[in-house]
C-alpha atoms as a PDB file:
ATOM      1  CA  MET A   1       0.000   0.000   0.000  1.00  0.00           C
ATOM      2  CA  ASN A   2       1.299   3.441  -0.761  1.00  0.00           C
ATOM      3  CA  LEU A   3       1.872   6.148   1.807  1.00  0.00           C
ATOM      4  CA  LYS A   4      -0.883   8.434   0.594  1.00  0.00           C
ATOM      5  CA  ASN A   5      -3.414   5.619   0.817  1.00  0.00           C
ATOM      6  CA  LEU A   6      -2.195   4.844   4.321  1.00  0.00           C
ATOM      7  CA  LEU A   7      -3.408   8.242   5.461  1.00  0.00           C
ATOM      8  CA  VAL A   8      -6.586   7.923   3.413  1.00  0.00           C
ATOM      9  CA  ILE A   9      -7.365   4.501   4.914  1.00  0.00           C
ATOM     10  CA  LEU A  10      -6.790   5.893   8.381  1.00  0.00           C
ATOM     11  CA  MET A  11      -9.319   8.619   7.803  1.00  0.00           C
ATOM     12  CA  THR A  12     -11.853   6.663   5.764  1.00  0.00           C
ATOM     13  CA  GLY A  13     -11.473   3.553   7.881  1.00  0.00           C
ATOM     14  CA  ILE A  14     -12.617   5.484  10.895  1.00  0.00           C
ATOM     15  CA  PHE A  15     -15.798   6.493   9.171  1.00  0.00           C
ATOM     16  CA  ALA A  16     -16.319   3.367   7.044  1.00  0.00           C
ATOM     17  CA  PHE A  17     -14.970   0.699   9.458  1.00  0.00           C
ATOM     18  CA  SER A  18     -12.842  -0.357   6.681  1.00  0.00           C
ATOM     19  CA  PHE A  19      -2.264   2.387   9.999  1.00  0.00           C
ATOM     20  CA  SER A  20       4.867  -1.774  13.963  1.00  0.00           C
ATOM     21  CA  ALA A  21       6.308   0.341  16.302  1.00  0.00           C
ATOM     22  CA  CYS A  22      10.055  -0.016  16.378  1.00  0.00           C
ATOM     23  CA  GLY A  23      11.903   0.379  19.653  1.00  0.00           C
ATOM     24  CA  ASP A  24      14.958   1.996  18.109  1.00  0.00           C
ATOM     25  CA  ASP A  25      14.686   5.741  17.501  1.00  0.00           C
ATOM     26  CA  SER A  26      17.656   5.964  15.142  1.00  0.00           C
ATOM     27  CA  THR A  27      17.839   5.313  11.434  1.00  0.00           C
ATOM     28  CA  GLU A  28      19.258   1.843  10.911  1.00  0.00           C
ATOM     29  CA  PRO A  29      22.528   2.046   9.005  1.00  0.00           C
ATOM     30  CA  SER A  30      22.720   0.423   5.627  1.00  0.00           C
ATOM     31  CA  PRO A  31      24.596  -2.871   5.523  1.00  0.00           C
ATOM     32  CA  SER A  32      26.142  -1.708   2.243  1.00  0.00           C
ATOM     33  CA  SER A  33      27.626   1.499   0.898  1.00  0.00           C
ATOM     34  CA  ASN A  34      24.317   2.503  -0.704  1.00  0.00           C
ATOM     35  CA  SER A  35      23.066   6.001   0.055  1.00  0.00           C
ATOM     36  CA  ASN A  36      19.625   6.491   1.558  1.00  0.00           C
ATOM     37  CA  THR A  37      18.436   7.686  -1.852  1.00  0.00           C
ATOM     38  CA  ASP A  38      19.803   4.493  -3.440  1.00  0.00           C
ATOM     39  CA  LEU A  39      18.036   2.362  -0.819  1.00  0.00           C
ATOM     40  CA  LEU A  40      14.728   4.200  -1.150  1.00  0.00           C
ATOM     41  CA  THR A  41      14.691   4.269  -4.950  1.00  0.00           C
ATOM     42  CA  SER A  42      16.041   0.797  -5.755  1.00  0.00           C
ATOM     43  CA  SER A  43      12.586  -0.759  -6.379  1.00  0.00           C
ATOM     44  CA  ALA A  44       8.917  -0.529  -5.448  1.00  0.00           C
ATOM     45  CA  TRP A  45       7.793  -0.770  -1.816  1.00  0.00           C
ATOM     46  CA  ILE A  46       4.789  -2.818  -0.668  1.00  0.00           C
ATOM     47  CA  MET A  47       3.220  -2.297   2.754  1.00  0.00           C
ATOM     48  CA  THR A  48       3.504  -5.184   5.228  1.00  0.00           C
ATOM     49  CA  ALA A  49       2.203  -3.591   8.461  1.00  0.00           C
ATOM     50  CA  GLY A  50       0.367  -0.512   9.657  1.00  0.00           C
ATOM     51  CA  LYS A  51      -0.558   0.365  13.233  1.00  0.00           C
ATOM     52  CA  ILE A  52      -1.882   3.311  15.189  1.00  0.00           C
ATOM     53  CA  GLU A  53      -1.430   3.884  18.927  1.00  0.00           C
ATOM     54  CA  PRO A  54      -3.341   4.489  21.011  1.00  0.00           C
ATOM     55  CA  PRO A  55      -6.069   2.489  19.310  1.00  0.00           C
ATOM     56  CA  ILE A  56      -8.889   4.346  17.643  1.00  0.00           C
ATOM     57  CA  VAL A  57     -12.278   3.592  19.144  1.00  0.00           C
ATOM     58  CA  ILE A  58     -15.196   3.388  16.722  1.00  0.00           C
ATOM     59  CA  PHE A  59     -18.609   2.619  18.182  1.00  0.00           C
ATOM     60  CA  GLY A  60     -16.971   0.964  21.163  1.00  0.00           C
ATOM     61  CA  THR A  61     -14.520  -1.177  19.162  1.00  0.00           C
ATOM     62  CA  GLU A  62     -10.767  -0.491  19.337  1.00  0.00           C
ATOM     63  CA  PHE A  63      -8.682  -0.545  16.160  1.00  0.00           C
ATOM     64  CA  SER A  64      -4.885  -0.455  16.224  1.00  0.00           C
ATOM     65  CA  ASP A  65      -3.822  -2.914  13.505  1.00  0.00           C
ATOM     66  CA  LEU A  66      -4.906  -0.989  10.451  1.00  0.00           C
ATOM     67  CA  TYR A  67      -3.148  -3.364   8.061  1.00  0.00           C
ATOM     68  CA  ALA A  68      -5.490  -6.108   9.217  1.00  0.00           C
ATOM     69  CA  THR A  69      -8.477  -3.981   8.188  1.00  0.00           C
ATOM     70  CA  MET A  70      -7.173  -3.396   4.661  1.00  0.00           C
ATOM     71  CA  GLU A  71      -8.754  -5.113   1.702  1.00  0.00           C
ATOM     72  CA  ASP A  72      -6.597  -7.478  -0.385  1.00  0.00           C
ATOM     73  CA  CYS A  73      -6.843  -5.062  -3.320  1.00  0.00           C
ATOM     74  CA  ASP A  74      -4.954  -2.471  -1.202  1.00  0.00           C
ATOM     75  CA  ARG A  75      -2.304  -4.907   0.037  1.00  0.00           C
ATOM     76  CA  ASP A  76      -0.673  -5.233  -3.398  1.00  0.00           C
ATOM     77  CA  ASP A  77      -0.317  -1.469  -3.951  1.00  0.00           C
ATOM     78  CA  GLN A  78       3.208  -0.250  -4.671  1.00  0.00           C
ATOM     79  CA  THR A  79       4.962   3.007  -3.808  1.00  0.00           C
ATOM     80  CA  ILE A  80       7.811   3.896  -6.153  1.00  0.00           C
ATOM     81  CA  PHE A  81      10.348   6.600  -5.257  1.00  0.00           C
ATOM     82  CA  ASN A  82      12.559   8.049  -8.004  1.00  0.00           C
ATOM     83  CA  ALA A  83      15.963   9.662  -7.445  1.00  0.00           C
ATOM     84  CA  ASP A  84      14.692  12.955  -8.930  1.00  0.00           C
ATOM     85  CA  PHE A  85      12.300  13.348  -5.936  1.00  0.00           C
ATOM     86  CA  THR A  86       9.239  12.251  -7.890  1.00  0.00           C
ATOM     87  CA  GLY A  87       7.402   9.000  -7.500  1.00  0.00           C
ATOM     88  CA  SER A  88       4.249   7.091  -8.223  1.00  0.00           C
ATOM     89  CA  GLU A  89       1.655   5.147  -6.326  1.00  0.00           C
ATOM     90  CA  ASP A  90       0.606   2.081  -8.293  1.00  0.00           C
ATOM     91  CA  GLU A  91      -2.578   0.122  -7.629  1.00  0.00           C
ATOM     92  CA  GLY A  92      -0.794  -3.192  -8.221  1.00  0.00           C
ATOM     93  CA  ALA A  93      -2.391  -6.192  -9.922  1.00  0.00           C
ATOM     94  CA  THR A  94      -5.782  -5.727  -8.238  1.00  0.00           C
ATOM     95  CA  LYS A  95      -7.701  -2.480  -8.011  1.00  0.00           C
ATOM     96  CA  CYS A  96     -10.406  -1.854  -5.441  1.00  0.00           C
ATOM     97  CA  ASP A  97     -12.177   0.559  -7.777  1.00  0.00           C
ATOM     98  CA  PRO A  98     -11.795  -0.097 -11.520  1.00  0.00           C
ATOM     99  CA  ASP A  99     -12.407   3.627 -12.165  1.00  0.00           C
ATOM    100  CA  ASP A 100      -9.314   4.655 -10.152  1.00  0.00           C
ATOM    101  CA  PRO A 101      -6.192   5.430 -12.177  1.00  0.00           C
ATOM    102  CA  GLN A 102      -3.577   2.651 -12.215  1.00  0.00           C
ATOM    103  CA  SER A 103      -0.962   5.063 -10.871  1.00  0.00           C
ATOM    104  CA  GLU A 104      -0.679   8.592  -9.500  1.00  0.00           C
ATOM    105  CA  ALA A 105       2.411  10.811  -9.405  1.00  0.00           C
ATOM    106  CA  PHE A 106       3.750  12.507  -6.271  1.00  0.00           C
ATOM    107  CA  ASN A 107       6.794  14.455  -5.083  1.00  0.00           C
ATOM    108  CA  TRP A 108       8.876  13.587  -2.057  1.00  0.00           C
ATOM    109  CA  ALA A 109      11.840  15.093  -0.153  1.00  0.00           C
ATOM    110  CA  TRP A 110      14.337  14.276   2.558  1.00  0.00           C
ATOM    111  CA  GLY A 111      14.036  16.064   5.899  1.00  0.00           C
ATOM    112  CA  ALA A 112      16.308  16.394   8.931  1.00  0.00           C
ATOM    113  CA  ASN A 113      19.525  15.130   7.363  1.00  0.00           C
ATOM    114  CA  GLU A 114      17.782  12.218   5.600  1.00  0.00           C
ATOM    115  CA  SER A 115      16.291  10.897   8.839  1.00  0.00           C
ATOM    116  CA  GLN A 116      12.833  11.948   7.692  1.00  0.00           C
ATOM    117  CA  LEU A 117      10.788  11.381   4.564  1.00  0.00           C
ATOM    118  CA  VAL A 118       8.450  14.183   3.534  1.00  0.00           C
ATOM    119  CA  TYR A 119       5.622  12.785   1.467  1.00  0.00           C
ATOM    120  CA  ASP A 120       2.241  14.262   0.575  1.00  0.00           C
ATOM    121  CA  SER A 121       2.660  17.096   3.131  1.00  0.00           C
ATOM    122  CA  THR A 122       3.319  14.568   5.917  1.00  0.00           C
ATOM    123  CA  THR A 123       6.689  14.107   7.581  1.00  0.00           C
ATOM    124  CA  PHE A 124       7.585  10.538   8.523  1.00  0.00           C
ATOM    125  CA  ASP A 125      10.509   9.652  10.791  1.00  0.00           C
ATOM    126  CA  ILE A 126      12.557   6.879   9.204  1.00  0.00           C
ATOM    127  CA  LYS A 127      12.974   4.127  11.780  1.00  0.00           C
ATOM    128  CA  SER A 128      14.641   1.695   9.380  1.00  0.00           C
ATOM    129  CA  LEU A 129      15.834   1.893   5.783  1.00  0.00           C
ATOM    130  CA  THR A 130      17.729  -1.094   4.431  1.00  0.00           C
ATOM    131  CA  THR A 131      17.983  -2.944   1.129  1.00  0.00           C
ATOM    132  CA  THR A 132      14.765  -4.833   1.966  1.00  0.00           C
ATOM    133  CA  GLU A 133      12.883  -2.869   4.636  1.00  0.00           C
ATOM    134  CA  LEU A 134      11.414   0.589   5.200  1.00  0.00           C
ATOM    135  CA  LYS A 135       9.801   1.478   8.538  1.00  0.00           C
ATOM    136  CA  LEU A 136       8.191   4.877   8.989  1.00  0.00           C
ATOM    137  CA  GLU A 137       6.558   6.646  11.911  1.00  0.00           C
ATOM    138  CA  SER A 138       4.492   9.811  12.130  1.00  0.00           C
ATOM    139  CA  VAL A 139       2.597  11.572  14.881  1.00  0.00           C
ATOM    140  CA  ILE A 140      -0.910  12.671  13.930  1.00  0.00           C
ATOM    141  CA  ASP A 141      -3.165  15.127  15.741  1.00  0.00           C
ATOM    142  CA  GLY A 142      -6.603  13.718  16.461  1.00  0.00           C
ATOM    143  CA  LYS A 143      -8.246  16.615  14.643  1.00  0.00           C
ATOM    144  CA  GLU A 144      -7.013  15.055  11.364  1.00  0.00           C
ATOM    145  CA  PHE A 145      -9.691  12.361  11.625  1.00  0.00           C
ATOM    146  CA  GLY A 146     -12.390  13.772  13.839  1.00  0.00           C
ATOM    147  CA  ASP A 147     -10.916  13.041  17.271  1.00  0.00           C
ATOM    148  CA  THR A 148     -10.018  15.646  19.877  1.00  0.00           C
ATOM    149  CA  THR A 149      -7.637  18.391  18.787  1.00  0.00           C
ATOM    150  CA  GLY A 150      -4.372  17.845  20.624  1.00  0.00           C
ATOM    151  CA  ALA A 151      -4.889  14.097  21.029  1.00  0.00           C
ATOM    152  CA  VAL A 152      -1.691  12.443  19.799  1.00  0.00           C
ATOM    153  CA  PHE A 153      -1.681   9.271  17.716  1.00  0.00           C
ATOM    154  CA  LYS A 154       1.455   7.487  16.531  1.00  0.00           C
ATOM    155  CA  LEU A 155       1.221   5.894  13.117  1.00  0.00           C
ATOM    156  CA  THR A 156       3.797   3.287  12.120  1.00  0.00           C
ATOM    157  CA  ALA A 157       4.074   1.563   8.765  1.00  0.00           C
ATOM    158  CA  SER A 158       6.409  -1.112   7.431  1.00  0.00           C
ATOM    159  CA  PHE A 159       7.204  -1.797   3.791  1.00  0.00           C
ATOM    160  CA  LYS A 160       9.293  -4.343   1.896  1.00  0.00           C
ATOM    161  CA  HIS A 161      10.671  -4.697  -1.612  1.00  0.00           C
END
């Protein structure tokens, strides 16, 4: 699943019933001499986990494992980062809505000395970036999805090649 859809699912999932914390706060060093840009842009990323803490409560039911609530047609989505700070979100082999475009373009940037990824106006802390794994974390204000302004939610997402 792509990053933009992660935020969309968070917000729509709350209203339609339909986002793995990592204990290390530092960016994991690359096992090779690849730059962070090389690691990020080497191939497409597919989401493998998405959580939100504290859990969101909808009609008395708590939700924290947002990946588990995703439809299969979202689980094959791919996020592709290009070295020129552009990218695309691809629907993968299965599309949830046949009228949606197969892919959409976006721009991205590094933040805080390449320890953050700025994507779709959201800044994600990079918890891990290796040749096979990308783990991101972001703090979201509750007002973003109808909760109390000032309520803090931590969103974590894991991706693989």
